[in-house]
Amino acid sequence: MSNLKIKAEHLAYMKKEIETKIPMELMVADYEKGNFRCADKVKDLNKRFRADALHYAELTNWVVDNLYPYLYDDYIDSALKSILPKITKRY
């Protein structure tokens, strides 16, 4: 049993949208190489990667409408950790 706070249907929706809208292998490669805006200023690469994935999957407004009524940012980030791969800084 998962100890994530997010509802299963919301997690499934996020996963589907991210997998459908983002070419993950390319995004991982770009982020690991630092090929993204302000890469030189990033302190937590994985957190930035997760936040950008949410944005690129066009889920920002959906999160506000569906998740913020019952979740905090840390819980949303934990859900994203369960969906997205962990990346390694190579730059």
N, C-alpha and C. Protein backbone atom coordinates (compact mmCIF):
# COMPACT_ATOMS: atom_id res chain seq x y z
N MET A 1 0.84 -1.19 0.00
CA MET A 1 0.00 0.00 0.00
C MET A 1 0.88 1.25 0.00
N SER A 2 0.54 2.19 -0.84
CA SER A 2 1.30 3.42 -0.97
C SER A 2 0.98 4.36 0.18
N ASN A 3 1.98 5.10 0.61
CA ASN A 3 1.73 6.10 1.65
C ASN A 3 1.68 7.51 1.05
N LEU A 4 1.41 7.59 -0.26
CA LEU A 4 1.21 8.88 -0.90
C LEU A 4 -0.16 9.41 -0.47
N LYS A 5 -0.26 10.71 -0.35
CA LYS A 5 -1.50 11.35 0.08
C LYS A 5 -2.46 11.60 -1.09
N ILE A 6 -1.95 11.52 -2.31
CA ILE A 6 -2.76 11.83 -3.49
C ILE A 6 -3.75 10.69 -3.76
N LYS A 7 -4.92 11.05 -4.25
CA LYS A 7 -5.93 10.05 -4.62
C LYS A 7 -5.41 9.25 -5.82
N ALA A 8 -5.69 7.97 -5.84
CA ALA A 8 -5.20 7.08 -6.89
C ALA A 8 -5.59 7.57 -8.29
N GLU A 9 -6.82 8.05 -8.43
CA GLU A 9 -7.26 8.50 -9.75
C GLU A 9 -6.53 9.76 -10.20
N HIS A 10 -6.15 10.61 -9.26
CA HIS A 10 -5.39 11.80 -9.61
C HIS A 10 -3.96 11.43 -10.01
N LEU A 11 -3.37 10.50 -9.30
CA LEU A 11 -2.02 10.04 -9.64
C LEU A 11 -2.03 9.39 -11.03
N ALA A 12 -3.02 8.58 -11.29
CA ALA A 12 -3.13 7.92 -12.60
C ALA A 12 -3.29 8.95 -13.72
N TYR A 13 -4.08 9.97 -13.48
CA TYR A 13 -4.28 11.02 -14.48
C TYR A 13 -2.97 11.76 -14.76
N MET A 14 -2.26 12.15 -13.71
CA MET A 14 -0.98 12.84 -13.89
C MET A 14 0.00 11.97 -14.68
N LYS A 15 0.08 10.71 -14.32
CA LYS A 15 1.00 9.78 -14.98
C LYS A 15 0.66 9.67 -16.47
N LYS A 16 -0.61 9.52 -16.78
CA LYS A 16 -1.04 9.40 -18.18
C LYS A 16 -0.70 10.67 -18.97
N GLU A 17 -0.98 11.82 -18.39
CA GLU A 17 -0.72 13.09 -19.07
C GLU A 17 0.78 13.30 -19.30
N ILE A 18 1.57 13.01 -18.30
CA ILE A 18 3.03 13.18 -18.43
C ILE A 18 3.58 12.22 -19.48
N GLU A 19 3.17 10.98 -19.44
CA GLU A 19 3.66 9.99 -20.40
C GLU A 19 3.21 10.30 -21.82
N THR A 20 2.04 10.89 -21.96
CA THR A 20 1.49 11.21 -23.28
C THR A 20 2.11 12.47 -23.88
N LYS A 21 2.39 13.45 -23.06
CA LYS A 21 2.78 14.77 -23.57
C LYS A 21 4.28 15.05 -23.56
N ILE A 22 5.06 14.24 -22.88
CA ILE A 22 6.49 14.53 -22.75
C ILE A 22 7.32 13.39 -23.34
N PRO A 23 8.24 13.73 -24.27
CA PRO A 23 9.19 12.71 -24.73
C PRO A 23 10.25 12.52 -23.64
N MET A 24 9.98 11.61 -22.70
CA MET A 24 10.75 11.51 -21.46
C MET A 24 12.24 11.27 -21.69
N GLU A 25 12.61 10.40 -22.61
CA GLU A 25 14.03 10.13 -22.83
C GLU A 25 14.78 11.40 -23.23
N LEU A 26 14.16 12.20 -24.08
CA LEU A 26 14.78 13.46 -24.52
C LEU A 26 14.86 14.45 -23.37
N MET A 27 13.80 14.55 -22.59
CA MET A 27 13.79 15.49 -21.47
C MET A 27 14.85 15.09 -20.44
N VAL A 28 14.94 13.82 -20.13
CA VAL A 28 15.95 13.35 -19.18
C VAL A 28 17.34 13.70 -19.69
N ALA A 29 17.61 13.41 -20.95
CA ALA A 29 18.93 13.69 -21.52
C ALA A 29 19.26 15.18 -21.45
N ASP A 30 18.29 16.02 -21.81
CA ASP A 30 18.52 17.47 -21.76
C ASP A 30 18.80 17.95 -20.34
N TYR A 31 18.03 17.50 -19.39
CA TYR A 31 18.21 17.95 -18.01
C TYR A 31 19.51 17.43 -17.41
N GLU A 32 19.87 16.21 -17.74
CA GLU A 32 21.13 15.67 -17.21
C GLU A 32 22.33 16.43 -17.78
N LYS A 33 22.21 16.94 -19.01
CA LYS A 33 23.30 17.68 -19.64
C LYS A 33 23.23 19.18 -19.34
N GLY A 34 22.17 19.63 -18.69
CA GLY A 34 22.02 21.05 -18.38
C GLY A 34 21.49 21.86 -19.55
N ASN A 35 20.81 21.21 -20.47
CA ASN A 35 20.24 21.89 -21.64
C ASN A 35 18.83 22.38 -21.35
N PHE A 36 18.73 23.33 -20.44
CA PHE A 36 17.44 23.96 -20.12
C PHE A 36 17.73 25.33 -19.53
N ARG A 37 16.74 26.17 -19.53
CA ARG A 37 16.87 27.56 -19.08
C ARG A 37 17.35 27.65 -17.63
N CYS A 38 18.36 28.46 -17.40
CA CYS A 38 18.92 28.76 -16.08
C CYS A 38 19.50 27.51 -15.39
N ALA A 39 20.00 26.57 -16.15
CA ALA A 39 20.56 25.33 -15.58
C ALA A 39 21.68 25.63 -14.59
N ASP A 40 22.43 26.69 -14.85
CA ASP A 40 23.57 27.02 -13.98
C ASP A 40 23.14 27.52 -12.60
N LYS A 41 21.89 27.86 -12.44
CA LYS A 41 21.39 28.38 -11.15
C LYS A 41 20.63 27.34 -10.32
N VAL A 42 20.42 26.15 -10.87
CA VAL A 42 19.61 25.13 -10.21
C VAL A 42 20.34 24.50 -9.03
N LYS A 43 19.68 24.46 -7.88
CA LYS A 43 20.25 23.84 -6.69
C LYS A 43 19.81 22.39 -6.54
N ASP A 44 18.57 22.09 -6.89
CA ASP A 44 18.05 20.73 -6.79
C ASP A 44 17.53 20.33 -8.17
N LEU A 45 18.37 19.64 -8.92
CA LEU A 45 18.06 19.29 -10.31
C LEU A 45 16.81 18.44 -10.42
N ASN A 46 16.65 17.46 -9.57
CA ASN A 46 15.48 16.59 -9.66
C ASN A 46 14.19 17.32 -9.36
N LYS A 47 14.22 18.22 -8.39
CA LYS A 47 13.01 18.99 -8.06
C LYS A 47 12.63 19.91 -9.24
N ARG A 48 13.65 20.53 -9.85
CA ARG A 48 13.40 21.38 -11.02
C ARG A 48 12.83 20.54 -12.17
N PHE A 49 13.42 19.36 -12.38
CA PHE A 49 12.96 18.45 -13.42
C PHE A 49 11.48 18.08 -13.21
N ARG A 50 11.12 17.76 -11.98
CA ARG A 50 9.73 17.39 -11.69
C ARG A 50 8.78 18.57 -11.90
N ALA A 51 9.18 19.75 -11.45
CA ALA A 51 8.32 20.94 -11.62
C ALA A 51 8.15 21.28 -13.09
N ASP A 52 9.24 21.19 -13.86
CA ASP A 52 9.14 21.48 -15.28
C ASP A 52 8.30 20.44 -16.01
N ALA A 53 8.41 19.18 -15.62
CA ALA A 53 7.60 18.13 -16.24
C ALA A 53 6.11 18.42 -16.02
N LEU A 54 5.77 18.85 -14.84
CA LEU A 54 4.38 19.20 -14.54
C LEU A 54 3.92 20.33 -15.47
N HIS A 55 4.78 21.31 -15.64
CA HIS A 55 4.46 22.45 -16.51
C HIS A 55 4.37 22.01 -17.98
N TYR A 56 5.35 21.25 -18.45
CA TYR A 56 5.36 20.83 -19.86
C TYR A 56 4.19 19.91 -20.19
N ALA A 57 3.70 19.17 -19.22
CA ALA A 57 2.53 18.32 -19.44
C ALA A 57 1.24 19.12 -19.35
N GLU A 58 1.36 20.42 -19.15
CA GLU A 58 0.23 21.34 -19.07
C GLU A 58 -0.74 20.97 -17.95
N LEU A 59 -0.15 20.64 -16.80
CA LEU A 59 -0.95 20.22 -15.65
C LEU A 59 -1.07 21.29 -14.56
N THR A 60 -0.46 22.43 -14.76
CA THR A 60 -0.42 23.45 -13.72
C THR A 60 -1.82 23.87 -13.26
N ASN A 61 -2.68 24.22 -14.18
CA ASN A 61 -4.04 24.64 -13.80
C ASN A 61 -4.83 23.49 -13.21
N TRP A 62 -4.62 22.29 -13.75
CA TRP A 62 -5.31 21.10 -13.23
C TRP A 62 -4.90 20.85 -11.78
N VAL A 63 -3.62 21.02 -11.48
CA VAL A 63 -3.13 20.85 -10.10
C VAL A 63 -3.81 21.84 -9.17
N VAL A 64 -3.88 23.08 -9.60
CA VAL A 64 -4.52 24.12 -8.78
C VAL A 64 -5.97 23.75 -8.50
N ASP A 65 -6.68 23.33 -9.52
CA ASP A 65 -8.10 23.01 -9.38
C ASP A 65 -8.38 21.71 -8.64
N ASN A 66 -7.53 20.70 -8.83
CA ASN A 66 -7.83 19.36 -8.33
C ASN A 66 -7.00 18.89 -7.15
N LEU A 67 -5.77 19.34 -7.04
CA LEU A 67 -4.90 18.84 -5.98
C LEU A 67 -4.74 19.81 -4.81
N TYR A 68 -4.63 21.10 -5.10
CA TYR A 68 -4.43 22.05 -4.00
C TYR A 68 -5.58 22.08 -2.98
N PRO A 69 -6.80 21.73 -3.36
CA PRO A 69 -7.83 21.69 -2.32
C PRO A 69 -7.53 20.69 -1.19
N TYR A 70 -6.67 19.70 -1.46
CA TYR A 70 -6.40 18.73 -0.39
C TYR A 70 -4.92 18.36 -0.22
N LEU A 71 -4.03 18.90 -1.07
CA LEU A 71 -2.61 18.57 -0.96
C LEU A 71 -1.73 19.82 -0.89
N TYR A 72 -0.59 19.66 -0.23
CA TYR A 72 0.44 20.70 -0.21
C TYR A 72 1.48 20.37 -1.28
N ASP A 73 2.35 21.34 -1.58
CA ASP A 73 3.38 21.16 -2.60
C ASP A 73 4.24 19.93 -2.36
N ASP A 74 4.62 19.67 -1.11
CA ASP A 74 5.48 18.52 -0.81
C ASP A 74 4.80 17.20 -1.18
N TYR A 75 3.50 17.11 -0.99
CA TYR A 75 2.76 15.90 -1.34
C TYR A 75 2.68 15.73 -2.86
N ILE A 76 2.51 16.85 -3.56
CA ILE A 76 2.47 16.81 -5.02
C ILE A 76 3.84 16.40 -5.55
N ASP A 77 4.89 16.93 -4.96
CA ASP A 77 6.24 16.56 -5.37
C ASP A 77 6.50 15.08 -5.11
N SER A 78 6.01 14.56 -4.01
CA SER A 78 6.16 13.12 -3.73
C SER A 78 5.45 12.28 -4.78
N ALA A 79 4.29 12.73 -5.21
CA ALA A 79 3.56 12.02 -6.27
C ALA A 79 4.37 12.05 -7.57
N LEU A 80 4.95 13.20 -7.88
CA LEU A 80 5.78 13.30 -9.09
C LEU A 80 7.01 12.40 -9.00
N LYS A 81 7.58 12.29 -7.80
CA LYS A 81 8.73 11.39 -7.61
C LYS A 81 8.35 9.95 -7.95
N SER A 82 7.12 9.57 -7.67
CA SER A 82 6.69 8.20 -7.93
C SER A 82 6.45 7.96 -9.42
N ILE A 83 6.29 9.03 -10.19
CA ILE A 83 6.00 8.92 -11.62
C ILE A 83 7.27 9.07 -12.47
N LEU A 84 8.10 10.02 -12.10
CA LEU A 84 9.24 10.41 -12.93
C LEU A 84 10.54 9.72 -12.50
N PRO A 85 11.44 9.53 -13.46
CA PRO A 85 12.73 8.93 -13.11
C PRO A 85 13.61 9.92 -12.35
N LYS A 86 14.50 9.40 -11.55
CA LYS A 86 15.49 10.24 -10.89
C LYS A 86 16.61 10.47 -11.90
N ILE A 87 17.07 11.71 -11.99
CA ILE A 87 18.11 12.01 -12.97
C ILE A 87 19.41 12.37 -12.27
N THR A 88 20.48 12.32 -13.04
CA THR A 88 21.82 12.58 -12.52
C THR A 88 22.42 13.77 -13.23
N LYS A 89 22.93 14.72 -12.49
CA LYS A 89 23.57 15.88 -13.08
C LYS A 89 24.87 15.46 -13.75
N ARG A 90 25.01 15.81 -15.03
CA ARG A 90 26.21 15.46 -15.80
C ARG A 90 26.83 16.69 -16.45
N TYR A 91 26.64 17.83 -15.84
CA TYR A 91 27.22 19.07 -16.38
C TYR A 91 27.90 19.85 -15.30
